Amino acid sequence: MSPELIEHFRNPRNVGELAPPAVTVEVSNPVCGDILRLAVLFDGAGRVQEARYKVRGCAASIAAGSALTELISGRDRAELKKLTKDQIESAVGGLSNESKHAALLCIDALRALPGGK
């Protein structure tokens, strides 16, 4: 595990939920059973004003969710569509082959946001 992954796992950022008008989505990985709930509050210009997450899963998924909330802060919907699993992996210092599902879970959550396809 990379130092970045360990840091995000031990000190996750932006854990929790947001009340409406924030949009909340939940995605899961049926193979490993990890579940990610992502809540995003957009400002009037369509930029991410605030993001929170909750994960039930492995250390990699917890760390990736934390990194995701930092990566999306201040971005608009068009920028969210362009985020890749590689950017999530990079933000946590890389993921082993058996943990790459964590980055995909984050991307699935972004795609599940209204207008995120």
PDB file of N, CA and C in Angstrom:
ATOM      1  N   MET A   1       0.837  -1.189   0.000  1.00  0.00           N
ATOM      2  CA  MET A   1       0.000   0.000   0.000  1.00  0.00           C
ATOM      3  C   MET A   1       0.874   1.243   0.000  1.00  0.00           C
ATOM      4  N   SER A   2       0.464   2.208  -0.787  1.00  0.00           N
ATOM      5  CA  SER A   2       1.227   3.454  -0.880  1.00  0.00           C
ATOM      6  C   SER A   2       0.985   4.337   0.345  1.00  0.00           C
ATOM      7  N   PRO A   3       1.897   5.262   0.610  1.00  0.00           N
ATOM      8  CA  PRO A   3       1.692   6.202   1.718  1.00  0.00           C
ATOM      9  C   PRO A   3       0.420   7.031   1.533  1.00  0.00           C
ATOM     10  N   GLU A   4       0.105   7.392   0.280  1.00  0.00           N
ATOM     11  CA  GLU A   4      -1.099   8.193   0.012  1.00  0.00           C
ATOM     12  C   GLU A   4      -2.363   7.397   0.344  1.00  0.00           C
ATOM     13  N   LEU A   5      -2.376   6.130  -0.050  1.00  0.00           N
ATOM     14  CA  LEU A   5      -3.531   5.290   0.244  1.00  0.00           C
ATOM     15  C   LEU A   5      -3.702   5.139   1.752  1.00  0.00           C
ATOM     16  N   ILE A   6      -2.625   4.874   2.436  1.00  0.00           N
ATOM     17  CA  ILE A   6      -2.689   4.717   3.896  1.00  0.00           C
ATOM     18  C   ILE A   6      -3.181   5.999   4.555  1.00  0.00           C
ATOM     19  N   GLU A   7      -2.703   7.141   4.080  1.00  0.00           N
ATOM     20  CA  GLU A   7      -3.141   8.428   4.644  1.00  0.00           C
ATOM     21  C   GLU A   7      -4.639   8.639   4.441  1.00  0.00           C
ATOM     22  N   HIS A   8      -5.145   8.399   3.225  1.00  0.00           N
ATOM     23  CA  HIS A   8      -6.582   8.554   2.970  1.00  0.00           C
ATOM     24  C   HIS A   8      -7.409   7.548   3.761  1.00  0.00           C
ATOM     25  N   PHE A   9      -6.872   6.346   3.972  1.00  0.00           N
ATOM     26  CA  PHE A   9      -7.582   5.334   4.740  1.00  0.00           C
ATOM     27  C   PHE A   9      -7.632   5.706   6.216  1.00  0.00           C
ATOM     28  N   ARG A  10      -6.504   6.129   6.755  1.00  0.00           N
ATOM     29  CA  ARG A  10      -6.446   6.457   8.187  1.00  0.00           C
ATOM     30  C   ARG A  10      -7.124   7.780   8.520  1.00  0.00           C
ATOM     31  N   ASN A  11      -7.083   8.719   7.585  1.00  0.00           N
ATOM     32  CA  ASN A  11      -7.653  10.053   7.794  1.00  0.00           C
ATOM     33  C   ASN A  11      -8.552  10.428   6.616  1.00  0.00           C
ATOM     34  N   PRO A  12      -9.645   9.695   6.432  1.00  0.00           N
ATOM     35  CA  PRO A  12     -10.499   9.964   5.274  1.00  0.00           C
ATOM     36  C   PRO A  12     -11.100  11.365   5.335  1.00  0.00           C
ATOM     37  N   ARG A  13     -11.148  11.993   4.170  1.00  0.00           N
ATOM     38  CA  ARG A  13     -11.706  13.332   4.063  1.00  0.00           C
ATOM     39  C   ARG A  13     -13.172  13.244   3.634  1.00  0.00           C
ATOM     40  N   ASN A  14     -13.952  14.196   4.099  1.00  0.00           N
ATOM     41  CA  ASN A  14     -15.322  14.402   3.617  1.00  0.00           C
ATOM     42  C   ASN A  14     -16.234  13.194   3.812  1.00  0.00           C
ATOM     43  N   VAL A  15     -16.098  12.510   4.928  1.00  0.00           N
ATOM     44  CA  VAL A  15     -16.982  11.390   5.238  1.00  0.00           C
ATOM     45  C   VAL A  15     -18.302  11.930   5.747  1.00  0.00           C
ATOM     46  N   GLY A  16     -19.391  11.349   5.287  1.00  0.00           N
ATOM     47  CA  GLY A  16     -20.701  11.740   5.782  1.00  0.00           C
ATOM     48  C   GLY A  16     -21.714  11.845   4.671  1.00  0.00           C
ATOM     49  N   GLU A  17     -22.780  12.550   4.973  1.00  0.00           N
ATOM     50  CA  GLU A  17     -23.868  12.726   4.025  1.00  0.00           C
ATOM     51  C   GLU A  17     -24.208  14.204   3.926  1.00  0.00           C
ATOM     52  N   LEU A  18     -24.940  14.549   2.887  1.00  0.00           N
ATOM     53  CA  LEU A  18     -25.427  15.911   2.698  1.00  0.00           C
ATOM     54  C   LEU A  18     -26.939  15.858   2.506  1.00  0.00           C
ATOM     55  N   ALA A  19     -27.619  16.821   3.092  1.00  0.00           N
ATOM     56  CA  ALA A  19     -29.077  16.903   2.948  1.00  0.00           C
ATOM     57  C   ALA A  19     -29.432  17.520   1.598  1.00  0.00           C
ATOM     58  N   PRO A  20     -30.640  17.257   1.119  1.00  0.00           N
ATOM     59  CA  PRO A  20     -31.085  17.923  -0.110  1.00  0.00           C
ATOM     60  C   PRO A  20     -30.968  19.434   0.069  1.00  0.00           C
ATOM     61  N   PRO A  21     -30.610  20.130  -0.976  1.00  0.00           N
ATOM     62  CA  PRO A  21     -30.708  19.774  -2.386  1.00  0.00           C
ATOM     63  C   PRO A  21     -29.512  19.006  -2.951  1.00  0.00           C
ATOM     64  N   ALA A  22     -28.636  18.506  -2.097  1.00  0.00           N
ATOM     65  CA  ALA A  22     -27.537  17.677  -2.599  1.00  0.00           C
ATOM     66  C   ALA A  22     -28.106  16.432  -3.270  1.00  0.00           C
ATOM     67  N   VAL A  23     -27.382  15.938  -4.242  1.00  0.00           N
ATOM     68  CA  VAL A  23     -27.758  14.727  -4.959  1.00  0.00           C
ATOM     69  C   VAL A  23     -26.952  13.576  -4.352  1.00  0.00           C
ATOM     70  N   THR A  24     -27.627  12.482  -4.026  1.00  0.00           N
ATOM     71  CA  THR A  24     -26.956  11.318  -3.460  1.00  0.00           C
ATOM     72  C   THR A  24     -27.174  10.112  -4.362  1.00  0.00           C
ATOM     73  N   VAL A  25     -26.085   9.414  -4.654  1.00  0.00           N
ATOM     74  CA  VAL A  25     -26.150   8.187  -5.445  1.00  0.00           C
ATOM     75  C   VAL A  25     -25.442   7.083  -4.675  1.00  0.00           C
ATOM     76  N   GLU A  26     -25.825   5.852  -4.966  1.00  0.00           N
ATOM     77  CA  GLU A  26     -25.183   4.706  -4.341  1.00  0.00           C
ATOM     78  C   GLU A  26     -24.882   3.681  -5.415  1.00  0.00           C
ATOM     79  N   VAL A  27     -23.655   3.209  -5.415  1.00  0.00           N
ATOM     80  CA  VAL A  27     -23.230   2.185  -6.377  1.00  0.00           C
ATOM     81  C   VAL A  27     -22.543   1.066  -5.613  1.00  0.00           C
ATOM     82  N   SER A  28     -22.537  -0.111  -6.240  1.00  0.00           N
ATOM     83  CA  SER A  28     -21.891  -1.246  -5.584  1.00  0.00           C
ATOM     84  C   SER A  28     -21.141  -2.074  -6.615  1.00  0.00           C
ATOM     85  N   ASN A  29     -20.205  -2.834  -6.107  1.00  0.00           N
ATOM     86  CA  ASN A  29     -19.471  -3.787  -6.920  1.00  0.00           C
ATOM     87  C   ASN A  29     -19.962  -5.170  -6.511  1.00  0.00           C
ATOM     88  N   PRO A  30     -20.738  -5.843  -7.378  1.00  0.00           N
ATOM     89  CA  PRO A  30     -21.302  -7.134  -6.987  1.00  0.00           C
ATOM     90  C   PRO A  30     -20.253  -8.223  -6.756  1.00  0.00           C
ATOM     91  N   VAL A  31     -19.068  -8.058  -7.315  1.00  0.00           N
ATOM     92  CA  VAL A  31     -18.027  -9.080  -7.154  1.00  0.00           C
ATOM     93  C   VAL A  31     -17.434  -9.043  -5.751  1.00  0.00           C
ATOM     94  N   CYS A  32     -17.049  -7.837  -5.297  1.00  0.00           N
ATOM     95  CA  CYS A  32     -16.399  -7.740  -3.985  1.00  0.00           C
ATOM     96  C   CYS A  32     -17.356  -7.318  -2.878  1.00  0.00           C
ATOM     97  N   GLY A  33     -18.515  -6.761  -3.258  1.00  0.00           N
ATOM     98  CA  GLY A  33     -19.497  -6.348  -2.268  1.00  0.00           C
ATOM     99  C   GLY A  33     -19.323  -4.935  -1.733  1.00  0.00           C
ATOM    100  N   ASP A  34     -18.323  -4.192  -2.209  1.00  0.00           N
ATOM    101  CA  ASP A  34     -18.121  -2.820  -1.751  1.00  0.00           C
ATOM    102  C   ASP A  34     -19.285  -1.933  -2.210  1.00  0.00           C
ATOM    103  N   ILE A  35     -19.665  -0.993  -1.340  1.00  0.00           N
ATOM    104  CA  ILE A  35     -20.742  -0.052  -1.640  1.00  0.00           C
ATOM    105  C   ILE A  35     -20.229   1.360  -1.375  1.00  0.00           C
ATOM    106  N   LEU A  36     -20.471   2.256  -2.319  1.00  0.00           N
ATOM    107  CA  LEU A  36     -20.081   3.663  -2.186  1.00  0.00           C
ATOM    108  C   LEU A  36     -21.316   4.531  -2.325  1.00  0.00           C
ATOM    109  N   ARG A  37     -21.547   5.383  -1.338  1.00  0.00           N
ATOM    110  CA  ARG A  37     -22.603   6.385  -1.410  1.00  0.00           C
ATOM    111  C   ARG A  37     -21.924   7.747  -1.533  1.00  0.00           C
ATOM    112  N   LEU A  38     -22.243   8.460  -2.601  1.00  0.00           N
ATOM    113  CA  LEU A  38     -21.644   9.760  -2.876  1.00  0.00           C
ATOM    114  C   LEU A  38     -22.736  10.820  -2.861  1.00  0.00           C
ATOM    115  N   ALA A  39     -22.523  11.872  -2.097  1.00  0.00           N
ATOM    116  CA  ALA A  39     -23.445  13.003  -2.035  1.00  0.00           C
ATOM    117  C   ALA A  39     -22.719  14.242  -2.552  1.00  0.00           C
ATOM    118  N   VAL A  40     -23.352  14.942  -3.487  1.00  0.00           N
ATOM    119  CA  VAL A  40     -22.733  16.114  -4.099  1.00  0.00           C
ATOM    120  C   VAL A  40     -23.717  17.277  -4.084  1.00  0.00           C
ATOM    121  N   LEU A  41     -23.228  18.426  -3.645  1.00  0.00           N
ATOM    122  CA  LEU A  41     -24.009  19.654  -3.683  1.00  0.00           C
ATOM    123  C   LEU A  41     -23.399  20.549  -4.753  1.00  0.00           C
ATOM    124  N   PHE A  42     -24.199  20.863  -5.761  1.00  0.00           N
ATOM    125  CA  PHE A  42     -23.748  21.732  -6.839  1.00  0.00           C
ATOM    126  C   PHE A  42     -24.169  23.168  -6.543  1.00  0.00           C
ATOM    127  N   ASP A  43     -23.323  24.126  -6.903  1.00  0.00           N
ATOM    128  CA  ASP A  43     -23.698  25.532  -6.751  1.00  0.00           C
ATOM    129  C   ASP A  43     -24.520  25.959  -7.968  1.00  0.00           C
ATOM    130  N   GLY A  44     -24.906  27.222  -8.004  1.00  0.00           N
ATOM    131  CA  GLY A  44     -25.730  27.740  -9.092  1.00  0.00           C
ATOM    132  C   GLY A  44     -25.072  27.653 -10.453  1.00  0.00           C
ATOM    133  N   ALA A  45     -23.760  27.588 -10.504  1.00  0.00           N
ATOM    134  CA  ALA A  45     -23.034  27.493 -11.774  1.00  0.00           C
ATOM    135  C   ALA A  45     -22.785  26.036 -12.171  1.00  0.00           C
ATOM    136  N   GLY A  46     -23.285  25.084 -11.377  1.00  0.00           N
ATOM    137  CA  GLY A  46     -23.112  23.679 -11.705  1.00  0.00           C
ATOM    138  C   GLY A  46     -21.784  23.090 -11.265  1.00  0.00           C
ATOM    139  N   ARG A  47     -21.084  23.789 -10.378  1.00  0.00           N
ATOM    140  CA  ARG A  47     -19.809  23.287  -9.857  1.00  0.00           C
ATOM    141  C   ARG A  47     -20.036  22.586  -8.518  1.00  0.00           C
ATOM    142  N   VAL A  48     -19.176  21.632  -8.230  1.00  0.00           N
ATOM    143  CA  VAL A  48     -19.279  20.909  -6.967  1.00  0.00           C
ATOM    144  C   VAL A  48     -18.880  21.852  -5.835  1.00  0.00           C
ATOM    145  N   GLN A  49     -19.855  22.178  -5.028  1.00  0.00           N
ATOM    146  CA  GLN A  49     -19.630  23.065  -3.888  1.00  0.00           C
ATOM    147  C   GLN A  49     -19.174  22.254  -2.680  1.00  0.00           C
ATOM    148  N   GLU A  50     -19.750  21.050  -2.555  1.00  0.00           N
ATOM    149  CA  GLU A  50     -19.436  20.201  -1.418  1.00  0.00           C
ATOM    150  C   GLU A  50     -19.662  18.747  -1.830  1.00  0.00           C
ATOM    151  N   ALA A  51     -18.860  17.842  -1.301  1.00  0.00           N
ATOM    152  CA  ALA A  51     -19.028  16.420  -1.581  1.00  0.00           C
ATOM    153  C   ALA A  51     -18.741  15.633  -0.311  1.00  0.00           C
ATOM    154  N   ARG A  52     -19.536  14.606  -0.095  1.00  0.00           N
ATOM    155  CA  ARG A  52     -19.360  13.706   1.038  1.00  0.00           C
ATOM    156  C   ARG A  52     -19.513  12.274   0.533  1.00  0.00           C
ATOM    157  N   TYR A  53     -18.952  11.343   1.266  1.00  0.00           N
ATOM    158  CA  TYR A  53     -19.086   9.950   0.860  1.00  0.00           C
ATOM    159  C   TYR A  53     -19.127   9.029   2.074  1.00  0.00           C
ATOM    160  N   LYS A  54     -19.659   7.841   1.834  1.00  0.00           N
ATOM    161  CA  LYS A  54     -19.619   6.745   2.794  1.00  0.00           C
ATOM    162  C   LYS A  54     -19.309   5.489   2.000  1.00  0.00           C
ATOM    163  N   VAL A  55     -18.481   4.637   2.574  1.00  0.00           N
ATOM    164  CA  VAL A  55     -18.111   3.380   1.917  1.00  0.00           C
ATOM    165  C   VAL A  55     -18.268   2.239   2.905  1.00  0.00           C
ATOM    166  N   ARG A  56     -18.802   1.154   2.392  1.00  0.00           N
ATOM    167  CA  ARG A  56     -18.711  -0.109   3.106  1.00  0.00           C
ATOM    168  C   ARG A  56     -17.843  -0.986   2.227  1.00  0.00           C
ATOM    169  N   GLY A  57     -16.610  -1.184   2.652  1.00  0.00           N
ATOM    170  CA  GLY A  57     -15.705  -1.946   1.811  1.00  0.00           C
ATOM    171  C   GLY A  57     -14.297  -1.964   2.347  1.00  0.00           C
ATOM    172  N   CYS A  58     -13.388  -2.278   1.445  1.00  0.00           N
ATOM    173  CA  CYS A  58     -11.982  -2.456   1.787  1.00  0.00           C
ATOM    174  C   CYS A  58     -11.260  -1.120   1.977  1.00  0.00           C
ATOM    175  N   ALA A  59     -10.027  -1.205   2.432  1.00  0.00           N
ATOM    176  CA  ALA A  59      -9.204  -0.014   2.653  1.00  0.00           C
ATOM    177  C   ALA A  59      -9.036   0.793   1.371  1.00  0.00           C
ATOM    178  N   ALA A  60      -8.856   0.096   0.246  1.00  0.00           N
ATOM    179  CA  ALA A  60      -8.679   0.803  -1.026  1.00  0.00           C
ATOM    180  C   ALA A  60      -9.921   1.596  -1.402  1.00  0.00           C
ATOM    181  N   SER A  61     -11.105   1.042  -1.168  1.00  0.00           N
ATOM    182  CA  SER A  61     -12.343   1.754  -1.494  1.00  0.00           C
ATOM    183  C   SER A  61     -12.563   2.951  -0.578  1.00  0.00           C
ATOM    184  N   ILE A  62     -12.207   2.806   0.681  1.00  0.00           N
ATOM    185  CA  ILE A  62     -12.313   3.928   1.619  1.00  0.00           C
ATOM    186  C   ILE A  62     -11.379   5.050   1.188  1.00  0.00           C
ATOM    187  N   ALA A  63     -10.145   4.699   0.864  1.00  0.00           N
ATOM    188  CA  ALA A  63      -9.161   5.696   0.435  1.00  0.00           C
ATOM    189  C   ALA A  63      -9.563   6.342  -0.888  1.00  0.00           C
ATOM    190  N   ALA A  64     -10.030   5.543  -1.835  1.00  0.00           N
ATOM    191  CA  ALA A  64     -10.420   6.075  -3.142  1.00  0.00           C
ATOM    192  C   ALA A  64     -11.601   7.026  -3.014  1.00  0.00           C
ATOM    193  N   GLY A  65     -12.562   6.701  -2.164  1.00  0.00           N
ATOM    194  CA  GLY A  65     -13.698   7.597  -1.945  1.00  0.00           C
ATOM    195  C   GLY A  65     -13.268   8.928  -1.371  1.00  0.00           C
ATOM    196  N   SER A  66     -12.338   8.883  -0.436  1.00  0.00           N
ATOM    197  CA  SER A  66     -11.794  10.106   0.150  1.00  0.00           C
ATOM    198  C   SER A  66     -11.110  10.956  -0.918  1.00  0.00           C
ATOM    199  N   ALA A  67     -10.272  10.302  -1.720  1.00  0.00           N
ATOM    200  CA  ALA A  67      -9.574  11.018  -2.790  1.00  0.00           C
ATOM    201  C   ALA A  67     -10.565  11.578  -3.813  1.00  0.00           C
ATOM    202  N   LEU A  68     -11.608  10.816  -4.112  1.00  0.00           N
ATOM    203  CA  LEU A  68     -12.614  11.268  -5.067  1.00  0.00           C
ATOM    204  C   LEU A  68     -13.236  12.593  -4.636  1.00  0.00           C
ATOM    205  N   THR A  69     -13.600  12.701  -3.361  1.00  0.00           N
ATOM    206  CA  THR A  69     -14.243  13.941  -2.907  1.00  0.00           C
ATOM    207  C   THR A  69     -13.310  15.140  -3.054  1.00  0.00           C
ATOM    208  N   GLU A  70     -12.025  14.913  -2.865  1.00  0.00           N
ATOM    209  CA  GLU A  70     -11.069  16.012  -3.055  1.00  0.00           C
ATOM    210  C   GLU A  70     -10.894  16.342  -4.537  1.00  0.00           C
ATOM    211  N   LEU A  71     -10.870  15.321  -5.381  1.00  0.00           N
ATOM    212  CA  LEU A  71     -10.679  15.540  -6.817  1.00  0.00           C
ATOM    213  C   LEU A  71     -11.839  16.281  -7.464  1.00  0.00           C
ATOM    214  N   ILE A  72     -13.054  16.055  -6.992  1.00  0.00           N
ATOM    215  CA  ILE A  72     -14.206  16.661  -7.666  1.00  0.00           C
ATOM    216  C   ILE A  72     -14.551  18.052  -7.148  1.00  0.00           C
ATOM    217  N   SER A  73     -14.014  18.430  -6.026  1.00  0.00           N
ATOM    218  CA  SER A  73     -14.331  19.735  -5.438  1.00  0.00           C
ATOM    219  C   SER A  73     -14.035  20.870  -6.414  1.00  0.00           C
ATOM    220  N   GLY A  74     -15.030  21.703  -6.652  1.00  0.00           N
ATOM    221  CA  GLY A  74     -14.863  22.863  -7.520  1.00  0.00           C
ATOM    222  C   GLY A  74     -15.024  22.585  -9.000  1.00  0.00           C
ATOM    223  N   ARG A  75     -15.177  21.326  -9.386  1.00  0.00           N
ATOM    224  CA  ARG A  75     -15.319  20.977 -10.818  1.00  0.00           C
ATOM    225  C   ARG A  75     -16.780  21.062 -11.249  1.00  0.00           C
ATOM    226  N   ASP A  76     -16.973  21.346 -12.543  1.00  0.00           N
ATOM    227  CA  ASP A  76     -18.332  21.352 -13.072  1.00  0.00           C
ATOM    228  C   ASP A  76     -18.668  19.969 -13.627  1.00  0.00           C
ATOM    229  N   ARG A  77     -19.933  19.802 -14.043  1.00  0.00           N
ATOM    230  CA  ARG A  77     -20.393  18.477 -14.490  1.00  0.00           C
ATOM    231  C   ARG A  77     -19.592  17.961 -15.686  1.00  0.00           C
ATOM    232  N   ALA A  78     -19.223  18.856 -16.592  1.00  0.00           N
ATOM    233  CA  ALA A  78     -18.435  18.432 -17.761  1.00  0.00           C
ATOM    234  C   ALA A  78     -17.076  17.902 -17.321  1.00  0.00           C
ATOM    235  N   GLU A  79     -16.468  18.537 -16.344  1.00  0.00           N
ATOM    236  CA  GLU A  79     -15.172  18.074 -15.838  1.00  0.00           C
ATOM    237  C   GLU A  79     -15.314  16.737 -15.107  1.00  0.00           C
ATOM    238  N   LEU A  80     -16.433  16.531 -14.427  1.00  0.00           N
ATOM    239  CA  LEU A  80     -16.657  15.266 -13.726  1.00  0.00           C
ATOM    240  C   LEU A  80     -16.718  14.111 -14.709  1.00  0.00           C
ATOM    241  N   LYS A  81     -17.330  14.354 -15.859  1.00  0.00           N
ATOM    242  CA  LYS A  81     -17.449  13.311 -16.882  1.00  0.00           C
ATOM    243  C   LYS A  81     -16.085  12.885 -17.415  1.00  0.00           C
ATOM    244  N   LYS A  82     -15.103  13.765 -17.326  1.00  0.00           N
ATOM    245  CA  LYS A  82     -13.774  13.490 -17.876  1.00  0.00           C
ATOM    246  C   LYS A  82     -12.838  12.800 -16.888  1.00  0.00           C
ATOM    247  N   LEU A  83     -13.220  12.736 -15.612  1.00  0.00           N
ATOM    248  CA  LEU A  83     -12.363  12.060 -14.632  1.00  0.00           C
ATOM    249  C   LEU A  83     -12.256  10.580 -14.974  1.00  0.00           C
ATOM    250  N   THR A  84     -11.074  10.025 -14.754  1.00  0.00           N
ATOM    251  CA  THR A  84     -10.831   8.625 -15.094  1.00  0.00           C
ATOM    252  C   THR A  84     -10.413   7.818 -13.865  1.00  0.00           C
ATOM    253  N   LYS A  85     -10.503   6.509 -14.020  1.00  0.00           N
ATOM    254  CA  LYS A  85     -10.058   5.619 -12.945  1.00  0.00           C
ATOM    255  C   LYS A  85      -8.570   5.808 -12.680  1.00  0.00           C
ATOM    256  N   ASP A  86      -7.811   6.143 -13.725  1.00  0.00           N
ATOM    257  CA  ASP A  86      -6.373   6.361 -13.552  1.00  0.00           C
ATOM    258  C   ASP A  86      -6.096   7.568 -12.651  1.00  0.00           C
ATOM    259  N   GLN A  87      -6.929   8.597 -12.748  1.00  0.00           N
ATOM    260  CA  GLN A  87      -6.759   9.777 -11.889  1.00  0.00           C
ATOM    261  C   GLN A  87      -7.060   9.430 -10.432  1.00  0.00           C
ATOM    262  N   ILE A  88      -8.062   8.601 -10.227  1.00  0.00           N
ATOM    263  CA  ILE A  88      -8.385   8.160  -8.864  1.00  0.00           C
ATOM    264  C   ILE A  88      -7.221   7.332  -8.317  1.00  0.00           C
ATOM    265  N   GLU A  89      -6.748   6.397  -9.117  1.00  0.00           N
ATOM    266  CA  GLU A  89      -5.615   5.550  -8.703  1.00  0.00           C
ATOM    267  C   GLU A  89      -4.399   6.403  -8.366  1.00  0.00           C
ATOM    268  N   SER A  90      -4.114   7.372  -9.203  1.00  0.00           N
ATOM    269  CA  SER A  90      -2.967   8.243  -8.975  1.00  0.00           C
ATOM    270  C   SER A  90      -3.100   9.020  -7.667  1.00  0.00           C
ATOM    271  N   ALA A  91      -4.314   9.460  -7.363  1.00  0.00           N
ATOM    272  CA  ALA A  91      -4.552  10.251  -6.149  1.00  0.00           C
ATOM    273  C   ALA A  91      -4.283   9.458  -4.874  1.00  0.00           C
ATOM    274  N   VAL A  92      -4.365   8.127  -4.965  1.00  0.00           N
ATOM    275  CA  VAL A  92      -4.067   7.299  -3.800  1.00  0.00           C
ATOM    276  C   VAL A  92      -2.718   6.595  -3.941  1.00  0.00           C
ATOM    277  N   GLY A  93      -1.907   7.061  -4.874  1.00  0.00           N
ATOM    278  CA  GLY A  93      -0.561   6.508  -5.026  1.00  0.00           C
ATOM    279  C   GLY A  93      -0.507   5.168  -5.712  1.00  0.00           C
ATOM    280  N   GLY A  94      -1.550   4.845  -6.462  1.00  0.00           N
ATOM    281  CA  GLY A  94      -1.591   3.574  -7.185  1.00  0.00           C
ATOM    282  C   GLY A  94      -2.377   2.521  -6.431  1.00  0.00           C
ATOM    283  N   LEU A  95      -2.895   1.555  -7.191  1.00  0.00           N
ATOM    284  CA  LEU A  95      -3.657   0.454  -6.611  1.00  0.00           C
ATOM    285  C   LEU A  95      -3.146  -0.864  -7.179  1.00  0.00           C
ATOM    286  N   SER A  96      -3.114  -1.857  -6.343  1.00  0.00           N
ATOM    287  CA  SER A  96      -2.738  -3.193  -6.816  1.00  0.00           C
ATOM    288  C   SER A  96      -3.847  -3.721  -7.721  1.00  0.00           C
ATOM    289  N   ASN A  97      -3.539  -4.741  -8.500  1.00  0.00           N
ATOM    290  CA  ASN A  97      -4.533  -5.313  -9.411  1.00  0.00           C
ATOM    291  C   ASN A  97      -5.805  -5.726  -8.683  1.00  0.00           C
ATOM    292  N   GLU A  98      -5.660  -6.304  -7.505  1.00  0.00           N
ATOM    293  CA  GLU A  98      -6.849  -6.751  -6.769  1.00  0.00           C
ATOM    294  C   GLU A  98      -7.627  -5.603  -6.125  1.00  0.00           C
ATOM    295  N   SER A  99      -7.079  -4.400  -6.154  1.00  0.00           N
ATOM    296  CA  SER A  99      -7.764  -3.239  -5.566  1.00  0.00           C
ATOM    297  C   SER A  99      -8.247  -2.226  -6.598  1.00  0.00           C
ATOM    298  N   LYS A 100      -8.012  -2.468  -7.852  1.00  0.00           N
ATOM    299  CA  LYS A 100      -8.405  -1.511  -8.898  1.00  0.00           C
ATOM    300  C   LYS A 100      -9.915  -1.283  -8.951  1.00  0.00           C
ATOM    301  N   HIS A 101     -10.678  -2.230  -8.415  1.00  0.00           N
ATOM    302  CA  HIS A 101     -12.130  -2.056  -8.372  1.00  0.00           C
ATOM    303  C   HIS A 101     -12.533  -0.805  -7.597  1.00  0.00           C
ATOM    304  N   ALA A 102     -11.700  -0.370  -6.665  1.00  0.00           N
ATOM    305  CA  ALA A 102     -12.016   0.808  -5.854  1.00  0.00           C
ATOM    306  C   ALA A 102     -12.118   2.059  -6.720  1.00  0.00           C
ATOM    307  N   ALA A 103     -11.211   2.218  -7.666  1.00  0.00           N
ATOM    308  CA  ALA A 103     -11.243   3.373  -8.567  1.00  0.00           C
ATOM    309  C   ALA A 103     -12.446   3.280  -9.499  1.00  0.00           C
ATOM    310  N   LEU A 104     -12.763   2.086  -9.954  1.00  0.00           N
ATOM    311  CA  LEU A 104     -13.929   1.901 -10.822  1.00  0.00           C
ATOM    312  C   LEU A 104     -15.219   2.218 -10.086  1.00  0.00           C
ATOM    313  N   LEU A 105     -15.292   1.877  -8.813  1.00  0.00           N
ATOM    314  CA  LEU A 105     -16.466   2.185  -8.004  1.00  0.00           C
ATOM    315  C   LEU A 105     -16.688   3.698  -7.948  1.00  0.00           C
ATOM    316  N   CYS A 106     -15.607   4.455  -7.800  1.00  0.00           N
ATOM    317  CA  CYS A 106     -15.703   5.918  -7.778  1.00  0.00           C
ATOM    318  C   CYS A 106     -16.204   6.462  -9.114  1.00  0.00           C
ATOM    319  N   ILE A 107     -15.687   5.930 -10.195  1.00  0.00           N
ATOM    320  CA  ILE A 107     -16.121   6.371 -11.523  1.00  0.00           C
ATOM    321  C   ILE A 107     -17.587   6.000 -11.738  1.00  0.00           C
ATOM    322  N   ASP A 108     -17.992   4.828 -11.290  1.00  0.00           N
ATOM    323  CA  ASP A 108     -19.402   4.429 -11.394  1.00  0.00           C
ATOM    324  C   ASP A 108     -20.298   5.412 -10.651  1.00  0.00           C
ATOM    325  N   ALA A 109     -19.847   5.877  -9.485  1.00  0.00           N
ATOM    326  CA  ALA A 109     -20.634   6.855  -8.717  1.00  0.00           C
ATOM    327  C   ALA A 109     -20.769   8.164  -9.474  1.00  0.00           C
ATOM    328  N   LEU A 110     -19.687   8.624 -10.081  1.00  0.00           N
ATOM    329  CA  LEU A 110     -19.751   9.859 -10.878  1.00  0.00           C
ATOM    330  C   LEU A 110     -20.723   9.698 -12.034  1.00  0.00           C
ATOM    331  N   ARG A 111     -20.683   8.555 -12.704  1.00  0.00           N
ATOM    332  CA  ARG A 111     -21.566   8.312 -13.847  1.00  0.00           C
ATOM    333  C   ARG A 111     -23.026   8.211 -13.418  1.00  0.00           C
ATOM    334  N   ALA A 112     -23.251   7.810 -12.163  1.00  0.00           N
ATOM    335  CA  ALA A 112     -24.614   7.674 -11.641  1.00  0.00           C
ATOM    336  C   ALA A 112     -25.247   9.019 -11.276  1.00  0.00           C
ATOM    337  N   LEU A 113     -24.421  10.057 -11.129  1.00  0.00           N
ATOM    338  CA  LEU A 113     -24.975  11.387 -10.831  1.00  0.00           C
ATOM    339  C   LEU A 113     -25.847  11.841 -12.001  1.00  0.00           C
ATOM    340  N   PRO A 114     -26.952  12.503 -11.715  1.00  0.00           N
ATOM    341  CA  PRO A 114     -27.769  13.032 -12.814  1.00  0.00           C
ATOM    342  C   PRO A 114     -26.903  13.898 -13.737  1.00  0.00           C
ATOM    343  N   GLY A 115     -26.964  13.619 -15.014  1.00  0.00           N
ATOM    344  CA  GLY A 115     -26.139  14.338 -15.981  1.00  0.00           C
ATOM    345  C   GLY A 115     -24.719  13.829 -16.051  1.00  0.00           C
ATOM    346  N   GLY A 116     -24.428  12.727 -15.353  1.00  0.00           N
ATOM    347  CA  GLY A 116     -23.062  12.219 -15.271  1.00  0.00           C
ATOM    348  C   GLY A 116     -22.696  11.180 -16.315  1.00  0.00           C
ATOM    349  N   LYS A 117     -23.598  10.839 -17.156  1.00  0.00           N
ATOM    350  CA  LYS A 117     -23.340   9.784 -18.163  1.00  0.00           C
ATOM    351  C   LYS A 117     -22.354  10.230 -19.212  1.00  0.00           C
TER     352      LYS A 117
END
